[in-house]
Amino acid sequence: MDRPLLSLRSALIFLLALLAGGAASGLTAAGGEGTARSLLAGLAAAGLAVPFFNRLIADEDHPRQPADIVHATTAEEKSHG
């Protein structure tokens, strides 16, 4: 097997989610909550961080344009053609 298990982008997304979950868990524990609540807060933060960072970090194969530019371009094309 010459290819990696995860792409660099996926590994970065999971790493950032792990860091966000760890930070949320640590801050919850430092705030005086119990271990169970701290773990639940960390898992929830990590679960929400994965789709957040997935949308935040652009995919190299599919460059995305802001919606405003796309809508402005199609509106100009319709008015000229």
Protein backbone atom coordinates (compact mmCIF):
# COMPACT_ATOMS: atom_id res chain seq x y z
CA MET A 1 0.00 0.00 0.00
CA ASP A 2 1.66 3.14 -1.21
CA ARG A 3 -1.20 5.52 -0.67
CA PRO A 4 -2.03 7.07 2.73
CA LEU A 5 -5.08 6.06 4.75
CA LEU A 6 -6.36 9.66 4.90
CA SER A 7 -5.72 12.60 2.65
CA LEU A 8 -3.88 15.57 4.08
CA ARG A 9 -7.10 17.60 4.08
CA SER A 10 -9.02 14.93 6.00
CA ALA A 11 -6.23 14.53 8.53
CA LEU A 12 -6.18 18.31 9.08
CA ILE A 13 -9.96 18.43 9.54
CA PHE A 14 -9.90 15.62 12.11
CA LEU A 15 -6.92 17.14 13.91
CA LEU A 16 -8.64 20.51 14.22
CA ALA A 17 -11.84 18.80 15.41
CA LEU A 18 -9.84 16.87 18.00
CA LEU A 19 -8.21 20.08 19.23
CA ALA A 20 -11.57 21.86 19.42
CA GLY A 21 -13.09 18.96 21.35
CA GLY A 22 -10.14 18.81 23.72
CA ALA A 23 -10.31 22.55 24.34
CA ALA A 24 -14.05 22.40 25.03
CA SER A 25 -13.59 19.43 27.34
CA GLY A 26 -10.74 21.10 29.21
CA LEU A 27 -12.58 24.39 29.62
CA THR A 28 -15.68 22.58 30.84
CA ALA A 29 -13.63 20.64 33.40
CA ALA A 30 -11.89 23.84 34.50
CA GLY A 31 -15.30 25.44 34.96
CA GLY A 32 -16.09 22.94 37.70
CA GLU A 33 -18.29 20.47 35.82
CA GLY A 34 -17.90 16.74 36.31
CA THR A 35 -15.92 14.36 34.13
CA ALA A 36 -18.99 13.04 32.30
CA ARG A 37 -20.22 16.51 31.35
CA SER A 38 -16.73 17.53 30.27
CA LEU A 39 -16.45 14.50 27.98
CA LEU A 40 -19.90 15.10 26.54
CA ALA A 41 -19.07 18.75 25.85
CA GLY A 42 -15.82 17.73 24.15
CA LEU A 43 -17.51 15.09 22.01
CA ALA A 44 -20.25 17.52 21.00
CA ALA A 45 -17.73 20.20 20.07
CA ALA A 46 -15.66 17.71 18.06
CA GLY A 47 -18.77 16.45 16.28
CA LEU A 48 -19.79 19.96 15.29
CA ALA A 49 -16.24 20.94 14.35
CA VAL A 50 -15.88 18.27 11.64
CA PRO A 51 -18.54 19.71 9.26
CA PHE A 52 -17.45 23.25 10.16
CA PHE A 53 -13.82 22.68 9.20
CA ASN A 54 -14.88 20.57 6.22
CA ARG A 55 -16.70 23.57 4.76
CA LEU A 56 -14.03 26.03 5.89
CA ILE A 57 -11.07 24.27 4.27
CA ALA A 58 -11.50 24.34 0.50
CA ASP A 59 -11.21 21.17 -1.53
CA GLU A 60 -8.36 21.47 -4.04
CA ASP A 61 -10.21 19.52 -6.74
CA HIS A 62 -13.33 21.70 -6.58
CA PRO A 63 -12.53 25.39 -6.00
CA ARG A 64 -15.55 27.22 -4.61
CA GLN A 65 -16.64 30.72 -5.35
CA PRO A 66 -18.67 32.87 -3.00
CA ALA A 67 -22.38 32.75 -3.77
CA ASP A 68 -22.50 36.49 -4.44
CA ILE A 69 -20.02 36.22 -7.30
CA VAL A 70 -21.85 33.26 -8.84
CA HIS A 71 -25.25 34.99 -8.66
CA ALA A 72 -23.87 38.27 -9.99
CA THR A 73 -22.24 36.48 -12.92
CA THR A 74 -25.41 34.61 -13.90
CA ALA A 75 -27.48 37.80 -13.59
CA GLU A 76 -25.07 39.65 -15.91
CA GLU A 77 -25.14 36.78 -18.41
CA LYS A 78 -28.94 36.80 -18.49
CA SER A 79 -29.09 40.56 -19.05
CA HIS A 80 -26.54 40.45 -21.90
CA GLY A 81 -27.86 37.38 -23.65
